[in-house]
Amino acid sequence: MARVILGMVAGMIVWMASATAVGLILREAWPQYAAVAAAMAFTLPMMFARLAIGALATLLAGWVTSVITRRSTVARLTTGVLLLAVFIPQHVQLWHKFPVWYHLTFLLSLLPLSYLGGSIPTGARKADGAPAGIANRPGLGT
């Protein structure tokens, strides 16, 4: 149980850290974005960039959660639910700043992307050298 909690907390921290880091890079690389960020007066390409950052961060959060919890489906789905719990209130407050499709795309992607992130292979190998999850059958593994 402690591993599951640790995995979900780590996933949330990774989400926040990665989204913040990429957001800062975006502001440095795109002066027009930085100029409108405080007012949240984003153009369509800027909104797509923000959604891409959120998607990347969510995939990464699911992956980190999955690695720590040893592929727990419940943990990576719960990470998505926790992200929803964090972001629904924020999106309610910002409802008038963005189109409905933007809010729905972001919020409805959190659960599936968290789950999919947990499906990304880790490169782990079993003791016999076969990739994790591959049975040692003729023609598979080593």
N, C-alpha and C. Protein backbone atom coordinates (compact mmCIF):
# COMPACT_ATOMS: atom_id res chain seq x y z
N MET A 1 0.82 -1.19 0.00
CA MET A 1 0.00 0.00 0.00
C MET A 1 0.87 1.26 0.00
N ALA A 2 1.96 1.24 0.74
CA ALA A 2 2.85 2.39 0.80
C ALA A 2 3.45 2.67 -0.58
N ARG A 3 3.77 1.60 -1.34
CA ARG A 3 4.31 1.75 -2.69
C ARG A 3 3.29 2.42 -3.61
N VAL A 4 2.04 2.06 -3.46
CA VAL A 4 0.98 2.65 -4.28
C VAL A 4 0.84 4.14 -3.97
N ILE A 5 0.81 4.49 -2.71
CA ILE A 5 0.69 5.89 -2.32
C ILE A 5 1.90 6.68 -2.80
N LEU A 6 3.09 6.12 -2.60
CA LEU A 6 4.32 6.77 -3.05
C LEU A 6 4.28 6.98 -4.57
N GLY A 7 3.83 5.97 -5.29
CA GLY A 7 3.76 6.07 -6.75
C GLY A 7 2.82 7.17 -7.20
N MET A 8 1.66 7.26 -6.57
CA MET A 8 0.69 8.28 -6.95
C MET A 8 1.19 9.68 -6.59
N VAL A 9 1.80 9.83 -5.43
CA VAL A 9 2.37 11.13 -5.04
C VAL A 9 3.49 11.51 -6.01
N ALA A 10 4.34 10.57 -6.33
CA ALA A 10 5.43 10.84 -7.28
C ALA A 10 4.87 11.23 -8.64
N GLY A 11 3.82 10.55 -9.08
CA GLY A 11 3.19 10.88 -10.35
C GLY A 11 2.67 12.31 -10.36
N MET A 12 2.04 12.72 -9.28
CA MET A 12 1.51 14.09 -9.18
C MET A 12 2.66 15.11 -9.19
N ILE A 13 3.72 14.81 -8.45
CA ILE A 13 4.87 15.72 -8.41
C ILE A 13 5.51 15.83 -9.79
N VAL A 14 5.64 14.70 -10.46
CA VAL A 14 6.23 14.70 -11.81
C VAL A 14 5.34 15.49 -12.76
N TRP A 15 4.02 15.36 -12.62
CA TRP A 15 3.12 16.14 -13.48
C TRP A 15 3.41 17.63 -13.29
N MET A 16 3.40 18.08 -12.05
CA MET A 16 3.59 19.50 -11.77
C MET A 16 4.98 19.98 -12.24
N ALA A 17 6.00 19.21 -11.95
CA ALA A 17 7.37 19.60 -12.31
C ALA A 17 7.56 19.64 -13.82
N SER A 18 7.08 18.62 -14.52
CA SER A 18 7.28 18.58 -15.97
C SER A 18 6.45 19.65 -16.67
N ALA A 19 5.21 19.84 -16.26
CA ALA A 19 4.38 20.88 -16.88
C ALA A 19 4.97 22.27 -16.63
N THR A 20 5.47 22.49 -15.43
CA THR A 20 6.08 23.78 -15.11
C THR A 20 7.34 24.00 -15.93
N ALA A 21 8.19 22.99 -15.99
CA ALA A 21 9.45 23.12 -16.73
C ALA A 21 9.20 23.38 -18.22
N VAL A 22 8.32 22.60 -18.82
CA VAL A 22 8.05 22.79 -20.25
C VAL A 22 7.33 24.12 -20.48
N GLY A 23 6.47 24.52 -19.55
CA GLY A 23 5.81 25.82 -19.66
C GLY A 23 6.80 26.97 -19.63
N LEU A 24 7.80 26.86 -18.78
CA LEU A 24 8.85 27.89 -18.71
C LEU A 24 9.67 27.93 -20.00
N ILE A 25 9.96 26.76 -20.52
CA ILE A 25 10.69 26.69 -21.80
C ILE A 25 9.86 27.32 -22.91
N LEU A 26 8.57 27.04 -22.92
CA LEU A 26 7.67 27.61 -23.92
C LEU A 26 7.66 29.14 -23.84
N ARG A 27 7.63 29.68 -22.64
CA ARG A 27 7.64 31.14 -22.47
C ARG A 27 8.94 31.75 -22.99
N GLU A 28 10.05 31.06 -22.77
CA GLU A 28 11.34 31.57 -23.25
C GLU A 28 11.45 31.47 -24.76
N ALA A 29 10.93 30.39 -25.32
CA ALA A 29 11.08 30.14 -26.75
C ALA A 29 10.04 30.88 -27.60
N TRP A 30 8.95 31.29 -27.00
CA TRP A 30 7.85 31.89 -27.76
C TRP A 30 7.46 33.21 -27.11
N PRO A 31 8.10 34.31 -27.50
CA PRO A 31 7.86 35.60 -26.85
C PRO A 31 6.39 36.05 -26.89
N GLN A 32 5.69 35.74 -27.97
CA GLN A 32 4.27 36.11 -28.06
C GLN A 32 3.45 35.38 -26.99
N TYR A 33 3.82 34.14 -26.72
CA TYR A 33 3.14 33.37 -25.68
C TYR A 33 3.39 34.02 -24.32
N ALA A 34 4.63 34.34 -24.05
CA ALA A 34 4.98 34.98 -22.77
C ALA A 34 4.24 36.30 -22.59
N ALA A 35 4.04 37.03 -23.69
CA ALA A 35 3.39 38.34 -23.61
C ALA A 35 1.92 38.24 -23.21
N VAL A 36 1.26 37.14 -23.56
CA VAL A 36 -0.18 37.02 -23.27
C VAL A 36 -0.48 36.05 -22.12
N ALA A 37 0.56 35.42 -21.58
CA ALA A 37 0.36 34.38 -20.57
C ALA A 37 -0.35 34.90 -19.32
N ALA A 38 0.03 36.05 -18.82
CA ALA A 38 -0.57 36.57 -17.58
C ALA A 38 -2.07 36.83 -17.77
N ALA A 39 -2.46 37.32 -18.94
CA ALA A 39 -3.86 37.60 -19.22
C ALA A 39 -4.61 36.36 -19.71
N MET A 40 -3.87 35.30 -20.01
CA MET A 40 -4.42 34.06 -20.57
C MET A 40 -5.23 34.34 -21.83
N ALA A 41 -4.70 35.20 -22.67
CA ALA A 41 -5.32 35.56 -23.94
C ALA A 41 -4.62 34.79 -25.06
N PHE A 42 -4.70 33.48 -25.01
CA PHE A 42 -3.95 32.62 -25.91
C PHE A 42 -4.62 32.50 -27.27
N THR A 43 -3.79 32.39 -28.30
CA THR A 43 -4.27 32.09 -29.65
C THR A 43 -4.53 30.58 -29.73
N LEU A 44 -5.13 30.15 -30.83
CA LEU A 44 -5.40 28.73 -31.03
C LEU A 44 -4.12 27.89 -30.97
N PRO A 45 -3.04 28.27 -31.68
CA PRO A 45 -1.80 27.47 -31.57
C PRO A 45 -1.26 27.42 -30.14
N MET A 46 -1.43 28.50 -29.41
CA MET A 46 -0.97 28.52 -28.02
C MET A 46 -1.79 27.57 -27.15
N MET A 47 -3.10 27.50 -27.40
CA MET A 47 -3.94 26.57 -26.64
C MET A 47 -3.56 25.13 -26.96
N PHE A 48 -3.27 24.86 -28.24
CA PHE A 48 -2.83 23.51 -28.60
C PHE A 48 -1.50 23.17 -27.93
N ALA A 49 -0.61 24.13 -27.85
CA ALA A 49 0.68 23.91 -27.18
C ALA A 49 0.45 23.59 -25.70
N ARG A 50 -0.45 24.33 -25.06
CA ARG A 50 -0.76 24.07 -23.65
C ARG A 50 -1.37 22.67 -23.46
N LEU A 51 -2.25 22.29 -24.37
CA LEU A 51 -2.85 20.95 -24.28
C LEU A 51 -1.79 19.87 -24.49
N ALA A 52 -0.84 20.12 -25.39
CA ALA A 52 0.23 19.16 -25.62
C ALA A 52 1.11 19.01 -24.38
N ILE A 53 1.39 20.13 -23.72
CA ILE A 53 2.18 20.07 -22.48
C ILE A 53 1.42 19.26 -21.43
N GLY A 54 0.13 19.49 -21.29
CA GLY A 54 -0.67 18.73 -20.33
C GLY A 54 -0.69 17.25 -20.66
N ALA A 55 -0.81 16.93 -21.94
CA ALA A 55 -0.82 15.52 -22.36
C ALA A 55 0.51 14.85 -22.04
N LEU A 56 1.59 15.52 -22.37
CA LEU A 56 2.93 14.98 -22.08
C LEU A 56 3.12 14.77 -20.58
N ALA A 57 2.74 15.77 -19.79
CA ALA A 57 2.89 15.66 -18.34
C ALA A 57 2.04 14.53 -17.78
N THR A 58 0.85 14.34 -18.33
CA THR A 58 -0.05 13.29 -17.85
C THR A 58 0.50 11.91 -18.20
N LEU A 59 1.01 11.76 -19.42
CA LEU A 59 1.64 10.48 -19.80
C LEU A 59 2.82 10.18 -18.89
N LEU A 60 3.62 11.18 -18.61
CA LEU A 60 4.79 11.01 -17.74
C LEU A 60 4.36 10.66 -16.32
N ALA A 61 3.33 11.30 -15.82
CA ALA A 61 2.84 11.00 -14.47
C ALA A 61 2.35 9.55 -14.39
N GLY A 62 1.62 9.10 -15.40
CA GLY A 62 1.16 7.71 -15.42
C GLY A 62 2.31 6.73 -15.48
N TRP A 63 3.33 7.07 -16.27
CA TRP A 63 4.49 6.20 -16.39
C TRP A 63 5.24 6.09 -15.07
N VAL A 64 5.50 7.23 -14.43
CA VAL A 64 6.22 7.23 -13.14
C VAL A 64 5.42 6.45 -12.10
N THR A 65 4.13 6.68 -12.05
CA THR A 65 3.28 5.96 -11.10
C THR A 65 3.37 4.46 -11.35
N SER A 66 3.32 4.08 -12.61
CA SER A 66 3.37 2.66 -12.98
C SER A 66 4.70 2.02 -12.62
N VAL A 67 5.78 2.72 -12.86
CA VAL A 67 7.11 2.18 -12.54
C VAL A 67 7.24 1.95 -11.03
N ILE A 68 6.83 2.92 -10.24
CA ILE A 68 6.97 2.81 -8.78
C ILE A 68 6.04 1.75 -8.21
N THR A 69 4.82 1.66 -8.75
CA THR A 69 3.83 0.72 -8.20
C THR A 69 3.88 -0.65 -8.86
N ARG A 70 4.87 -0.84 -9.72
CA ARG A 70 5.03 -2.12 -10.43
C ARG A 70 3.80 -2.43 -11.28
N ARG A 71 3.41 -1.44 -12.06
CA ARG A 71 2.35 -1.58 -13.06
C ARG A 71 0.94 -1.67 -12.49
N SER A 72 0.69 -1.10 -11.34
CA SER A 72 -0.64 -1.13 -10.76
C SER A 72 -1.61 -0.31 -11.59
N THR A 73 -2.60 -0.99 -12.17
CA THR A 73 -3.63 -0.32 -12.96
C THR A 73 -4.44 0.63 -12.08
N VAL A 74 -4.77 0.20 -10.89
CA VAL A 74 -5.54 1.05 -9.97
C VAL A 74 -4.77 2.32 -9.65
N ALA A 75 -3.49 2.21 -9.41
CA ALA A 75 -2.68 3.39 -9.05
C ALA A 75 -2.61 4.38 -10.20
N ARG A 76 -2.39 3.90 -11.40
CA ARG A 76 -2.27 4.86 -12.50
C ARG A 76 -3.62 5.47 -12.86
N LEU A 77 -4.72 4.74 -12.69
CA LEU A 77 -6.04 5.34 -12.89
C LEU A 77 -6.36 6.33 -11.76
N THR A 78 -5.96 5.99 -10.55
CA THR A 78 -6.19 6.89 -9.42
C THR A 78 -5.39 8.18 -9.59
N THR A 79 -4.22 8.09 -10.17
CA THR A 79 -3.45 9.30 -10.47
C THR A 79 -4.25 10.20 -11.41
N GLY A 80 -4.89 9.62 -12.40
CA GLY A 80 -5.75 10.40 -13.30
C GLY A 80 -6.91 11.03 -12.57
N VAL A 81 -7.51 10.29 -11.63
CA VAL A 81 -8.62 10.82 -10.84
C VAL A 81 -8.13 11.97 -9.95
N LEU A 82 -6.96 11.81 -9.36
CA LEU A 82 -6.39 12.89 -8.54
C LEU A 82 -6.12 14.14 -9.37
N LEU A 83 -5.63 13.95 -10.58
CA LEU A 83 -5.41 15.09 -11.46
C LEU A 83 -6.73 15.79 -11.78
N LEU A 84 -7.77 15.00 -12.02
CA LEU A 84 -9.10 15.59 -12.22
C LEU A 84 -9.54 16.39 -11.01
N ALA A 85 -9.34 15.83 -9.83
CA ALA A 85 -9.75 16.52 -8.59
C ALA A 85 -9.01 17.84 -8.42
N VAL A 86 -7.76 17.88 -8.86
CA VAL A 86 -6.97 19.11 -8.77
C VAL A 86 -7.42 20.13 -9.83
N PHE A 87 -7.69 19.67 -11.04
CA PHE A 87 -7.90 20.59 -12.15
C PHE A 87 -9.34 20.99 -12.40
N ILE A 88 -10.31 20.22 -11.97
CA ILE A 88 -11.70 20.64 -12.17
C ILE A 88 -11.96 22.00 -11.52
N PRO A 89 -11.59 22.21 -10.25
CA PRO A 89 -11.84 23.54 -9.66
C PRO A 89 -11.11 24.66 -10.40
N GLN A 90 -9.90 24.39 -10.86
CA GLN A 90 -9.16 25.43 -11.60
C GLN A 90 -9.85 25.76 -12.91
N HIS A 91 -10.34 24.74 -13.60
CA HIS A 91 -11.01 24.99 -14.88
C HIS A 91 -12.36 25.65 -14.69
N VAL A 92 -13.02 25.38 -13.59
CA VAL A 92 -14.27 26.08 -13.30
C VAL A 92 -13.99 27.57 -13.14
N GLN A 93 -12.92 27.91 -12.42
CA GLN A 93 -12.55 29.32 -12.23
C GLN A 93 -12.14 29.99 -13.54
N LEU A 94 -11.56 29.22 -14.45
CA LEU A 94 -11.08 29.77 -15.72
C LEU A 94 -12.05 29.54 -16.88
N TRP A 95 -13.25 29.10 -16.57
CA TRP A 95 -14.20 28.69 -17.60
C TRP A 95 -14.39 29.76 -18.68
N HIS A 96 -14.46 31.02 -18.29
CA HIS A 96 -14.71 32.11 -19.23
C HIS A 96 -13.49 32.49 -20.06
N LYS A 97 -12.32 32.00 -19.70
CA LYS A 97 -11.08 32.36 -20.40
C LYS A 97 -10.78 31.48 -21.61
N PHE A 98 -11.38 30.29 -21.65
CA PHE A 98 -11.08 29.33 -22.72
C PHE A 98 -12.38 28.79 -23.31
N PRO A 99 -12.32 28.31 -24.55
CA PRO A 99 -13.52 27.68 -25.13
C PRO A 99 -13.83 26.35 -24.42
N VAL A 100 -15.07 25.94 -24.52
CA VAL A 100 -15.50 24.70 -23.86
C VAL A 100 -14.68 23.51 -24.35
N TRP A 101 -14.38 23.46 -25.66
CA TRP A 101 -13.63 22.32 -26.19
C TRP A 101 -12.26 22.19 -25.51
N TYR A 102 -11.66 23.32 -25.15
CA TYR A 102 -10.36 23.30 -24.49
C TYR A 102 -10.46 22.63 -23.13
N HIS A 103 -11.42 23.06 -22.33
CA HIS A 103 -11.62 22.48 -20.99
C HIS A 103 -11.92 20.99 -21.09
N LEU A 104 -12.84 20.64 -22.00
CA LEU A 104 -13.22 19.23 -22.12
C LEU A 104 -12.06 18.38 -22.62
N THR A 105 -11.29 18.88 -23.56
CA THR A 105 -10.14 18.12 -24.06
C THR A 105 -9.15 17.85 -22.94
N PHE A 106 -8.84 18.89 -22.19
CA PHE A 106 -7.88 18.72 -21.10
C PHE A 106 -8.42 17.77 -20.04
N LEU A 107 -9.60 18.05 -19.53
CA LEU A 107 -10.13 17.28 -18.40
C LEU A 107 -10.43 15.83 -18.79
N LEU A 108 -11.01 15.63 -19.96
CA LEU A 108 -11.38 14.27 -20.36
C LEU A 108 -10.17 13.42 -20.78
N SER A 109 -9.03 14.07 -21.00
CA SER A 109 -7.83 13.31 -21.37
C SER A 109 -7.04 12.82 -20.17
N LEU A 110 -7.28 13.37 -19.00
CA LEU A 110 -6.44 13.05 -17.84
C LEU A 110 -6.48 11.56 -17.48
N LEU A 111 -7.64 10.98 -17.41
CA LEU A 111 -7.75 9.57 -17.01
C LEU A 111 -7.15 8.63 -18.07
N PRO A 112 -7.55 8.75 -19.35
CA PRO A 112 -6.96 7.82 -20.33
C PRO A 112 -5.46 8.02 -20.54
N LEU A 113 -4.99 9.26 -20.50
CA LEU A 113 -3.55 9.47 -20.69
C LEU A 113 -2.74 8.99 -19.50
N SER A 114 -3.29 9.11 -18.31
CA SER A 114 -2.62 8.58 -17.13
C SER A 114 -2.49 7.06 -17.25
N TYR A 115 -3.55 6.43 -17.70
CA TYR A 115 -3.55 4.98 -17.89
C TYR A 115 -2.55 4.59 -19.00
N LEU A 116 -2.62 5.30 -20.13
CA LEU A 116 -1.72 4.99 -21.24
C LEU A 116 -0.26 5.22 -20.87
N GLY A 117 0.01 6.26 -20.11
CA GLY A 117 1.38 6.51 -19.67
C GLY A 117 1.93 5.34 -18.88
N GLY A 118 1.06 4.70 -18.11
CA GLY A 118 1.47 3.53 -17.35
C GLY A 118 1.72 2.30 -18.20
N SER A 119 1.33 2.38 -19.47
CA SER A 119 1.54 1.25 -20.38
C SER A 119 2.84 1.37 -21.16
N ILE A 120 3.54 2.49 -21.01
CA ILE A 120 4.81 2.68 -21.71
C ILE A 120 5.83 1.71 -21.14
N PRO A 121 6.49 0.95 -21.99
CA PRO A 121 7.49 -0.02 -21.49
C PRO A 121 8.60 0.68 -20.71
N THR A 122 9.08 -0.02 -19.70
CA THR A 122 10.14 0.53 -18.85
C THR A 122 11.51 0.01 -19.23
N GLY A 123 11.57 -1.00 -20.07
CA GLY A 123 12.86 -1.58 -20.41
C GLY A 123 13.31 -2.60 -19.39
N ALA A 124 12.45 -2.90 -18.40
CA ALA A 124 12.81 -3.87 -17.36
C ALA A 124 12.95 -5.26 -17.97
N ARG A 125 13.85 -6.02 -17.43
CA ARG A 125 14.08 -7.38 -17.90
C ARG A 125 13.94 -8.35 -16.72
N LYS A 126 13.42 -9.54 -17.04
CA LYS A 126 13.34 -10.58 -16.02
C LYS A 126 14.73 -11.17 -15.81
N ALA A 127 14.86 -11.97 -14.78
CA ALA A 127 16.15 -12.57 -14.44
C ALA A 127 16.72 -13.41 -15.59
N ASP A 128 15.85 -14.03 -16.41
CA ASP A 128 16.34 -14.87 -17.50
C ASP A 128 16.72 -14.05 -18.74
N GLY A 129 16.61 -12.73 -18.65
CA GLY A 129 17.01 -11.87 -19.75
C GLY A 129 15.89 -11.50 -20.70
N ALA A 130 14.74 -12.16 -20.58
CA ALA A 130 13.61 -11.84 -21.44
C ALA A 130 12.98 -10.53 -20.99
N PRO A 131 12.43 -9.77 -21.93
CA PRO A 131 11.74 -8.55 -21.52
C PRO A 131 10.61 -8.87 -20.55
N ALA A 132 10.39 -8.00 -19.58
CA ALA A 132 9.33 -8.21 -18.62
C ALA A 132 8.00 -8.34 -19.34
N GLY A 133 7.19 -9.30 -18.91
CA GLY A 133 5.87 -9.51 -19.51
C GLY A 133 5.90 -10.49 -20.68
N ILE A 134 7.06 -10.97 -21.08
CA ILE A 134 7.17 -11.92 -22.18
C ILE A 134 7.50 -13.30 -21.58
N ALA A 135 6.65 -14.25 -21.87
CA ALA A 135 6.89 -15.60 -21.37
C ALA A 135 8.09 -16.19 -22.08
N ASN A 136 8.84 -17.03 -21.42
CA ASN A 136 10.01 -17.67 -22.01
C ASN A 136 9.55 -18.89 -22.82
N ARG A 137 8.99 -18.60 -23.99
CA ARG A 137 8.51 -19.65 -24.88
C ARG A 137 9.40 -19.65 -26.12
N PRO A 138 9.44 -20.75 -26.83
CA PRO A 138 10.24 -20.78 -28.06
C PRO A 138 9.81 -19.64 -28.98
N GLY A 139 10.78 -18.90 -29.46
CA GLY A 139 10.49 -17.81 -30.38
C GLY A 139 10.23 -16.49 -29.69
N LEU A 140 10.06 -16.47 -28.37
CA LEU A 140 9.82 -15.24 -27.64
C LEU A 140 10.94 -15.03 -26.63
N GLY A 141 11.30 -13.80 -26.44
CA GLY A 141 12.34 -13.51 -25.44
C GLY A 141 13.69 -13.99 -25.93
N THR A 142 14.49 -14.57 -25.01
CA THR A 142 15.83 -15.02 -25.39
C THR A 142 15.88 -16.51 -25.51
